Amino acid sequence: MSQMTLAELVAIIRECAGDSDVADLDGDVLDVSFEDLGYDSLAMLEAAGQTQRRYSVTLVDDAVVEARTPREFLTLVNGELTRVG
């Protein structure tokens, strides 16, 4: 399977948690914390669940919560995609 992109992650976040009132997800957000983007850990766990279903990967909740930025989340997901190849 191909790697998950930032655009795909943004689409999943919007689908699960809606648009943020705090920040624009269309900008350069790779290294902006989810907290600064207006998303809490529950929103990211919801996004992780959707990611698992869509990409057929398993993400450990603790690892999801520790992924503080979109870059870290994508690294987590793409690492799993590579591992299960």
PDB file of N, CA and C in Angstrom:
ATOM      1  N   MET A   1       0.850  -1.185   0.000  1.00  0.00           N
ATOM      2  CA  MET A   1       0.000   0.000   0.000  1.00  0.00           C
ATOM      3  C   MET A   1       0.889   1.240   0.000  1.00  0.00           C
ATOM      4  N   SER A   2       0.413   2.274  -0.624  1.00  0.00           N
ATOM      5  CA  SER A   2       1.169   3.522  -0.684  1.00  0.00           C
ATOM      6  C   SER A   2       1.172   4.217   0.674  1.00  0.00           C
ATOM      7  N   GLN A   3       1.991   5.222   0.783  1.00  0.00           N
ATOM      8  CA  GLN A   3       2.120   5.980   2.022  1.00  0.00           C
ATOM      9  C   GLN A   3       0.950   6.957   2.190  1.00  0.00           C
ATOM     10  N   MET A   4       0.576   7.197   3.427  1.00  0.00           N
ATOM     11  CA  MET A   4      -0.462   8.175   3.729  1.00  0.00           C
ATOM     12  C   MET A   4       0.130   9.573   3.566  1.00  0.00           C
ATOM     13  N   THR A   5      -0.628  10.463   2.959  1.00  0.00           N
ATOM     14  CA  THR A   5      -0.162  11.834   2.739  1.00  0.00           C
ATOM     15  C   THR A   5      -0.799  12.786   3.743  1.00  0.00           C
ATOM     16  N   LEU A   6      -0.249  13.983   3.815  1.00  0.00           N
ATOM     17  CA  LEU A   6      -0.826  15.013   4.676  1.00  0.00           C
ATOM     18  C   LEU A   6      -2.254  15.326   4.242  1.00  0.00           C
ATOM     19  N   ALA A   7      -2.496  15.408   2.951  1.00  0.00           N
ATOM     20  CA  ALA A   7      -3.848  15.704   2.457  1.00  0.00           C
ATOM     21  C   ALA A   7      -4.839  14.635   2.899  1.00  0.00           C
ATOM     22  N   GLU A   8      -4.413  13.371   2.887  1.00  0.00           N
ATOM     23  CA  GLU A   8      -5.293  12.286   3.332  1.00  0.00           C
ATOM     24  C   GLU A   8      -5.548  12.375   4.832  1.00  0.00           C
ATOM     25  N   LEU A   9      -4.521  12.705   5.601  1.00  0.00           N
ATOM     26  CA  LEU A   9      -4.691  12.872   7.046  1.00  0.00           C
ATOM     27  C   LEU A   9      -5.644  14.018   7.346  1.00  0.00           C
ATOM     28  N   VAL A  10      -5.474  15.135   6.678  1.00  0.00           N
ATOM     29  CA  VAL A  10      -6.353  16.290   6.884  1.00  0.00           C
ATOM     30  C   VAL A  10      -7.797  15.914   6.567  1.00  0.00           C
ATOM     31  N   ALA A  11      -8.017  15.172   5.496  1.00  0.00           N
ATOM     32  CA  ALA A  11      -9.374  14.749   5.133  1.00  0.00           C
ATOM     33  C   ALA A  11      -9.979  13.874   6.225  1.00  0.00           C
ATOM     34  N   ILE A  12      -9.195  12.966   6.783  1.00  0.00           N
ATOM     35  CA  ILE A  12      -9.689  12.095   7.853  1.00  0.00           C
ATOM     36  C   ILE A  12      -9.990  12.907   9.106  1.00  0.00           C
ATOM     37  N   ILE A  13      -9.111  13.824   9.468  1.00  0.00           N
ATOM     38  CA  ILE A  13      -9.348  14.655  10.656  1.00  0.00           C
ATOM     39  C   ILE A  13     -10.637  15.455  10.484  1.00  0.00           C
ATOM     40  N   ARG A  14     -10.815  16.044   9.327  1.00  0.00           N
ATOM     41  CA  ARG A  14     -12.036  16.820   9.079  1.00  0.00           C
ATOM     42  C   ARG A  14     -13.271  15.927   9.132  1.00  0.00           C
ATOM     43  N   GLU A  15     -13.160  14.740   8.595  1.00  0.00           N
ATOM     44  CA  GLU A  15     -14.275  13.794   8.593  1.00  0.00           C
ATOM     45  C   GLU A  15     -14.652  13.389  10.017  1.00  0.00           C
ATOM     46  N   CYS A  16     -13.643  13.185  10.855  1.00  0.00           N
ATOM     47  CA  CYS A  16     -13.874  12.704  12.220  1.00  0.00           C
ATOM     48  C   CYS A  16     -14.189  13.813  13.213  1.00  0.00           C
ATOM     49  N   ALA A  17     -13.514  14.949  13.071  1.00  0.00           N
ATOM     50  CA  ALA A  17     -13.614  15.989  14.098  1.00  0.00           C
ATOM     51  C   ALA A  17     -14.071  17.338  13.569  1.00  0.00           C
ATOM     52  N   GLY A  18     -14.267  17.445  12.276  1.00  0.00           N
ATOM     53  CA  GLY A  18     -14.699  18.712  11.706  1.00  0.00           C
ATOM     54  C   GLY A  18     -13.545  19.679  11.530  1.00  0.00           C
ATOM     55  N   ASP A  19     -13.859  20.835  10.983  1.00  0.00           N
ATOM     56  CA  ASP A  19     -12.846  21.876  10.805  1.00  0.00           C
ATOM     57  C   ASP A  19     -12.545  22.531  12.141  1.00  0.00           C
ATOM     58  N   SER A  20     -11.310  22.911  12.313  1.00  0.00           N
ATOM     59  CA  SER A  20     -10.876  23.579  13.533  1.00  0.00           C
ATOM     60  C   SER A  20     -11.308  25.040  13.513  1.00  0.00           C
ATOM     61  N   ASP A  21     -11.717  25.525  14.668  1.00  0.00           N
ATOM     62  CA  ASP A  21     -12.010  26.952  14.818  1.00  0.00           C
ATOM     63  C   ASP A  21     -10.730  27.730  15.115  1.00  0.00           C
ATOM     64  N   VAL A  22      -9.649  27.005  15.377  1.00  0.00           N
ATOM     65  CA  VAL A  22      -8.408  27.614  15.834  1.00  0.00           C
ATOM     66  C   VAL A  22      -7.414  27.846  14.701  1.00  0.00           C
ATOM     67  N   ALA A  23      -7.281  26.884  13.802  1.00  0.00           N
ATOM     68  CA  ALA A  23      -6.240  26.970  12.768  1.00  0.00           C
ATOM     69  C   ALA A  23      -6.750  26.433  11.439  1.00  0.00           C
ATOM     70  N   ASP A  24      -6.081  26.834  10.382  1.00  0.00           N
ATOM     71  CA  ASP A  24      -6.406  26.403   9.031  1.00  0.00           C
ATOM     72  C   ASP A  24      -5.563  25.181   8.686  1.00  0.00           C
ATOM     73  N   LEU A  25      -6.204  24.055   8.426  1.00  0.00           N
ATOM     74  CA  LEU A  25      -5.481  22.834   8.098  1.00  0.00           C
ATOM     75  C   LEU A  25      -4.917  22.838   6.685  1.00  0.00           C
ATOM     76  N   ASP A  26      -5.259  23.839   5.891  1.00  0.00           N
ATOM     77  CA  ASP A  26      -4.781  23.880   4.516  1.00  0.00           C
ATOM     78  C   ASP A  26      -3.387  24.482   4.391  1.00  0.00           C
ATOM     79  N   GLY A  27      -2.872  25.038   5.462  1.00  0.00           N
ATOM     80  CA  GLY A  27      -1.546  25.657   5.419  1.00  0.00           C
ATOM     81  C   GLY A  27      -0.444  24.647   5.682  1.00  0.00           C
ATOM     82  N   ASP A  28       0.727  25.147   6.025  1.00  0.00           N
ATOM     83  CA  ASP A  28       1.885  24.317   6.336  1.00  0.00           C
ATOM     84  C   ASP A  28       1.775  23.868   7.792  1.00  0.00           C
ATOM     85  N   VAL A  29       1.133  22.734   8.014  1.00  0.00           N
ATOM     86  CA  VAL A  29       0.820  22.296   9.373  1.00  0.00           C
ATOM     87  C   VAL A  29       1.584  21.044   9.810  1.00  0.00           C
ATOM     88  N   LEU A  30       2.513  20.567   9.012  1.00  0.00           N
ATOM     89  CA  LEU A  30       3.210  19.323   9.339  1.00  0.00           C
ATOM     90  C   LEU A  30       3.806  19.315  10.740  1.00  0.00           C
ATOM     91  N   ASP A  31       4.354  20.434  11.171  1.00  0.00           N
ATOM     92  CA  ASP A  31       5.037  20.477  12.464  1.00  0.00           C
ATOM     93  C   ASP A  31       4.305  21.314  13.511  1.00  0.00           C
ATOM     94  N   VAL A  32       3.037  21.577  13.280  1.00  0.00           N
ATOM     95  CA  VAL A  32       2.204  22.298  14.250  1.00  0.00           C
ATOM     96  C   VAL A  32       1.504  21.252  15.116  1.00  0.00           C
ATOM     97  N   SER A  33       1.511  21.442  16.421  1.00  0.00           N
ATOM     98  CA  SER A  33       0.899  20.440  17.298  1.00  0.00           C
ATOM     99  C   SER A  33      -0.604  20.360  17.055  1.00  0.00           C
ATOM    100  N   PHE A  34      -1.138  19.160  17.256  1.00  0.00           N
ATOM    101  CA  PHE A  34      -2.583  18.991  17.113  1.00  0.00           C
ATOM    102  C   PHE A  34      -3.324  19.905  18.084  1.00  0.00           C
ATOM    103  N   GLU A  35      -2.753  20.101  19.264  1.00  0.00           N
ATOM    104  CA  GLU A  35      -3.360  21.006  20.247  1.00  0.00           C
ATOM    105  C   GLU A  35      -3.463  22.420  19.682  1.00  0.00           C
ATOM    106  N   ASP A  36      -2.380  22.895  19.069  1.00  0.00           N
ATOM    107  CA  ASP A  36      -2.398  24.236  18.467  1.00  0.00           C
ATOM    108  C   ASP A  36      -3.342  24.313  17.274  1.00  0.00           C
ATOM    109  N   LEU A  37      -3.590  23.174  16.646  1.00  0.00           N
ATOM    110  CA  LEU A  37      -4.533  23.127  15.526  1.00  0.00           C
ATOM    111  C   LEU A  37      -5.985  23.032  16.002  1.00  0.00           C
ATOM    112  N   GLY A  38      -6.156  22.821  17.314  1.00  0.00           N
ATOM    113  CA  GLY A  38      -7.501  22.772  17.874  1.00  0.00           C
ATOM    114  C   GLY A  38      -8.075  21.372  18.024  1.00  0.00           C
ATOM    115  N   TYR A  39      -7.209  20.351  17.996  1.00  0.00           N
ATOM    116  CA  TYR A  39      -7.672  18.967  18.124  1.00  0.00           C
ATOM    117  C   TYR A  39      -7.061  18.327  19.354  1.00  0.00           C
ATOM    118  N   ASP A  40      -7.918  17.705  20.175  1.00  0.00           N
ATOM    119  CA  ASP A  40      -7.435  17.049  21.384  1.00  0.00           C
ATOM    120  C   ASP A  40      -7.165  15.567  21.106  1.00  0.00           C
ATOM    121  N   SER A  41      -6.735  14.857  22.151  1.00  0.00           N
ATOM    122  CA  SER A  41      -6.370  13.452  21.979  1.00  0.00           C
ATOM    123  C   SER A  41      -7.568  12.598  21.571  1.00  0.00           C
ATOM    124  N   LEU A  42      -8.757  12.938  22.033  1.00  0.00           N
ATOM    125  CA  LEU A  42      -9.944  12.173  21.617  1.00  0.00           C
ATOM    126  C   LEU A  42     -10.199  12.303  20.126  1.00  0.00           C
ATOM    127  N   ALA A  43     -10.030  13.492  19.600  1.00  0.00           N
ATOM    128  CA  ALA A  43     -10.198  13.696  18.157  1.00  0.00           C
ATOM    129  C   ALA A  43      -9.171  12.882  17.389  1.00  0.00           C
ATOM    130  N   MET A  44      -7.952  12.822  17.902  1.00  0.00           N
ATOM    131  CA  MET A  44      -6.911  12.087  17.197  1.00  0.00           C
ATOM    132  C   MET A  44      -7.098  10.581  17.324  1.00  0.00           C
ATOM    133  N   LEU A  45      -7.641  10.118  18.436  1.00  0.00           N
ATOM    134  CA  LEU A  45      -7.951   8.694  18.552  1.00  0.00           C
ATOM    135  C   LEU A  45      -9.056   8.311  17.577  1.00  0.00           C
ATOM    136  N   GLU A  46     -10.022   9.191  17.406  1.00  0.00           N
ATOM    137  CA  GLU A  46     -11.079   8.968  16.412  1.00  0.00           C
ATOM    138  C   GLU A  46     -10.479   8.929  15.006  1.00  0.00           C
ATOM    139  N   ALA A  47      -9.589   9.861  14.717  1.00  0.00           N
ATOM    140  CA  ALA A  47      -8.919   9.883  13.410  1.00  0.00           C
ATOM    141  C   ALA A  47      -8.059   8.630  13.225  1.00  0.00           C
ATOM    142  N   ALA A  48      -7.433   8.176  14.294  1.00  0.00           N
ATOM    143  CA  ALA A  48      -6.622   6.960  14.218  1.00  0.00           C
ATOM    144  C   ALA A  48      -7.493   5.748  13.904  1.00  0.00           C
ATOM    145  N   GLY A  49      -8.673   5.685  14.517  1.00  0.00           N
ATOM    146  CA  GLY A  49      -9.591   4.586  14.230  1.00  0.00           C
ATOM    147  C   GLY A  49      -9.989   4.555  12.768  1.00  0.00           C
ATOM    148  N   GLN A  50     -10.298   5.717  12.234  1.00  0.00           N
ATOM    149  CA  GLN A  50     -10.658   5.811  10.815  1.00  0.00           C
ATOM    150  C   GLN A  50      -9.459   5.438   9.939  1.00  0.00           C
ATOM    151  N   THR A  51      -8.281   5.869  10.333  1.00  0.00           N
ATOM    152  CA  THR A  51      -7.059   5.538   9.587  1.00  0.00           C
ATOM    153  C   THR A  51      -6.835   4.029   9.578  1.00  0.00           C
ATOM    154  N   GLN A  52      -7.034   3.395  10.720  1.00  0.00           N
ATOM    155  CA  GLN A  52      -6.859   1.939  10.808  1.00  0.00           C
ATOM    156  C   GLN A  52      -7.815   1.214   9.865  1.00  0.00           C
ATOM    157  N   ARG A  53      -9.051   1.658   9.829  1.00  0.00           N
ATOM    158  CA  ARG A  53     -10.035   1.017   8.939  1.00  0.00           C
ATOM    159  C   ARG A  53      -9.687   1.258   7.473  1.00  0.00           C
ATOM    160  N   ARG A  54      -9.315   2.464   7.163  1.00  0.00           N
ATOM    161  CA  ARG A  54      -9.054   2.827   5.766  1.00  0.00           C
ATOM    162  C   ARG A  54      -7.766   2.198   5.231  1.00  0.00           C
ATOM    163  N   TYR A  55      -6.741   2.109   6.072  1.00  0.00           N
ATOM    164  CA  TYR A  55      -5.430   1.635   5.615  1.00  0.00           C
ATOM    165  C   TYR A  55      -5.085   0.225   6.094  1.00  0.00           C
ATOM    166  N   SER A  56      -5.980  -0.402   6.831  1.00  0.00           N
ATOM    167  CA  SER A  56      -5.764  -1.771   7.328  1.00  0.00           C
ATOM    168  C   SER A  56      -4.453  -1.910   8.108  1.00  0.00           C
ATOM    169  N   VAL A  57      -4.241  -0.977   9.022  1.00  0.00           N
ATOM    170  CA  VAL A  57      -3.080  -1.033   9.915  1.00  0.00           C
ATOM    171  C   VAL A  57      -3.579  -1.015  11.354  1.00  0.00           C
ATOM    172  N   THR A  58      -2.707  -1.419  12.259  1.00  0.00           N
ATOM    173  CA  THR A  58      -3.016  -1.364  13.681  1.00  0.00           C
ATOM    174  C   THR A  58      -2.150  -0.287  14.317  1.00  0.00           C
ATOM    175  N   LEU A  59      -2.801   0.647  14.999  1.00  0.00           N
ATOM    176  CA  LEU A  59      -2.092   1.725  15.685  1.00  0.00           C
ATOM    177  C   LEU A  59      -2.374   1.611  17.179  1.00  0.00           C
ATOM    178  N   VAL A  60      -1.328   1.572  17.970  1.00  0.00           N
ATOM    179  CA  VAL A  60      -1.461   1.484  19.424  1.00  0.00           C
ATOM    180  C   VAL A  60      -1.895   2.848  19.952  1.00  0.00           C
ATOM    181  N   ASP A  61      -2.928   2.857  20.810  1.00  0.00           N
ATOM    182  CA  ASP A  61      -3.465   4.121  21.331  1.00  0.00           C
ATOM    183  C   ASP A  61      -2.386   5.008  21.945  1.00  0.00           C
ATOM    184  N   ASP A  62      -1.479   4.417  22.726  1.00  0.00           N
ATOM    185  CA  ASP A  62      -0.419   5.214  23.359  1.00  0.00           C
ATOM    186  C   ASP A  62       0.456   5.897  22.316  1.00  0.00           C
ATOM    187  N   ALA A  63       0.748   5.198  21.230  1.00  0.00           N
ATOM    188  CA  ALA A  63       1.573   5.783  20.165  1.00  0.00           C
ATOM    189  C   ALA A  63       0.823   6.909  19.467  1.00  0.00           C
ATOM    190  N   VAL A  64      -0.485   6.745  19.292  1.00  0.00           N
ATOM    191  CA  VAL A  64      -1.302   7.785  18.660  1.00  0.00           C
ATOM    192  C   VAL A  64      -1.290   9.043  19.517  1.00  0.00           C
ATOM    193  N   VAL A  65      -1.495   8.888  20.816  1.00  0.00           N
ATOM    194  CA  VAL A  65      -1.531  10.034  21.725  1.00  0.00           C
ATOM    195  C   VAL A  65      -0.165  10.721  21.783  1.00  0.00           C
ATOM    196  N   GLU A  66       0.910   9.949  21.635  1.00  0.00           N
ATOM    197  CA  GLU A  66       2.256  10.535  21.668  1.00  0.00           C
ATOM    198  C   GLU A  66       2.611  11.261  20.380  1.00  0.00           C
ATOM    199  N   ALA A  67       1.895  10.990  19.303  1.00  0.00           N
ATOM    200  CA  ALA A  67       2.134  11.692  18.035  1.00  0.00           C
ATOM    201  C   ALA A  67       1.519  13.081  18.167  1.00  0.00           C
ATOM    202  N   ARG A  68       2.332  14.069  18.374  1.00  0.00           N
ATOM    203  CA  ARG A  68       1.850  15.416  18.703  1.00  0.00           C
ATOM    204  C   ARG A  68       1.617  16.310  17.490  1.00  0.00           C
ATOM    205  N   THR A  69       2.167  15.922  16.343  1.00  0.00           N
ATOM    206  CA  THR A  69       2.034  16.743  15.135  1.00  0.00           C
ATOM    207  C   THR A  69       1.600  15.863  13.964  1.00  0.00           C
ATOM    208  N   PRO A  70       1.098  16.452  12.901  1.00  0.00           N
ATOM    209  CA  PRO A  70       0.783  15.656  11.715  1.00  0.00           C
ATOM    210  C   PRO A  70       1.991  14.868  11.204  1.00  0.00           C
ATOM    211  N   ARG A  71       3.181  15.460  11.241  1.00  0.00           N
ATOM    212  CA  ARG A  71       4.374  14.734  10.777  1.00  0.00           C
ATOM    213  C   ARG A  71       4.586  13.466  11.604  1.00  0.00           C
ATOM    214  N   GLU A  72       4.457  13.577  12.929  1.00  0.00           N
ATOM    215  CA  GLU A  72       4.647  12.417  13.801  1.00  0.00           C
ATOM    216  C   GLU A  72       3.565  11.370  13.556  1.00  0.00           C
ATOM    217  N   PHE A  73       2.333  11.804  13.345  1.00  0.00           N
ATOM    218  CA  PHE A  73       1.241  10.874  13.065  1.00  0.00           C
ATOM    219  C   PHE A  73       1.497  10.148  11.744  1.00  0.00           C
ATOM    220  N   LEU A  74       1.896  10.893  10.716  1.00  0.00           N
ATOM    221  CA  LEU A  74       2.184  10.285   9.412  1.00  0.00           C
ATOM    222  C   LEU A  74       3.361   9.313   9.505  1.00  0.00           C
ATOM    223  N   THR A  75       4.369   9.650  10.289  1.00  0.00           N
ATOM    224  CA  THR A  75       5.507   8.749  10.482  1.00  0.00           C
ATOM    225  C   THR A  75       5.046   7.450  11.125  1.00  0.00           C
ATOM    226  N   LEU A  76       4.169   7.551  12.103  1.00  0.00           N
ATOM    227  CA  LEU A  76       3.616   6.374  12.769  1.00  0.00           C
ATOM    228  C   LEU A  76       2.848   5.502  11.777  1.00  0.00           C
ATOM    229  N   VAL A  77       1.921   6.106  11.058  1.00  0.00           N
ATOM    230  CA  VAL A  77       1.090   5.354  10.112  1.00  0.00           C
ATOM    231  C   VAL A  77       1.943   4.766   8.994  1.00  0.00           C
ATOM    232  N   ASN A  78       2.801   5.578   8.413  1.00  0.00           N
ATOM    233  CA  ASN A  78       3.599   5.101   7.285  1.00  0.00           C
ATOM    234  C   ASN A  78       4.611   4.039   7.705  1.00  0.00           C
ATOM    235  N   GLY A  79       5.079   4.113   8.937  1.00  0.00           N
ATOM    236  CA  GLY A  79       5.940   3.050   9.465  1.00  0.00           C
ATOM    237  C   GLY A  79       5.194   1.733   9.540  1.00  0.00           C
ATOM    238  N   GLU A  80       3.950   1.785   9.981  1.00  0.00           N
ATOM    239  CA  GLU A  80       3.122   0.575  10.034  1.00  0.00           C
ATOM    240  C   GLU A  80       2.808   0.060   8.634  1.00  0.00           C
ATOM    241  N   LEU A  81       2.518   0.967   7.714  1.00  0.00           N
ATOM    242  CA  LEU A  81       2.244   0.552   6.334  1.00  0.00           C
ATOM    243  C   LEU A  81       3.457  -0.149   5.730  1.00  0.00           C
ATOM    244  N   THR A  82       4.634   0.360   6.014  1.00  0.00           N
ATOM    245  CA  THR A  82       5.860  -0.260   5.512  1.00  0.00           C
ATOM    246  C   THR A  82       6.082  -1.618   6.169  1.00  0.00           C
ATOM    247  N   ARG A  83       5.828  -1.680   7.468  1.00  0.00           N
ATOM    248  CA  ARG A  83       6.044  -2.915   8.223  1.00  0.00           C
ATOM    249  C   ARG A  83       5.150  -4.045   7.720  1.00  0.00           C
ATOM    250  N   VAL A  84       3.876  -3.739   7.487  1.00  0.00           N
ATOM    251  CA  VAL A  84       2.938  -4.786   7.060  1.00  0.00           C
ATOM    252  C   VAL A  84       2.981  -5.015   5.556  1.00  0.00           C
ATOM    253  N   GLY A  85       3.588  -4.057   4.846  1.00  0.00           N
ATOM    254  CA  GLY A  85       3.838  -4.069   3.428  1.00  0.00           C
ATOM    255  C   GLY A  85       2.951  -4.839   2.587  1.00  0.00           C
TER     256      GLY A  85
END
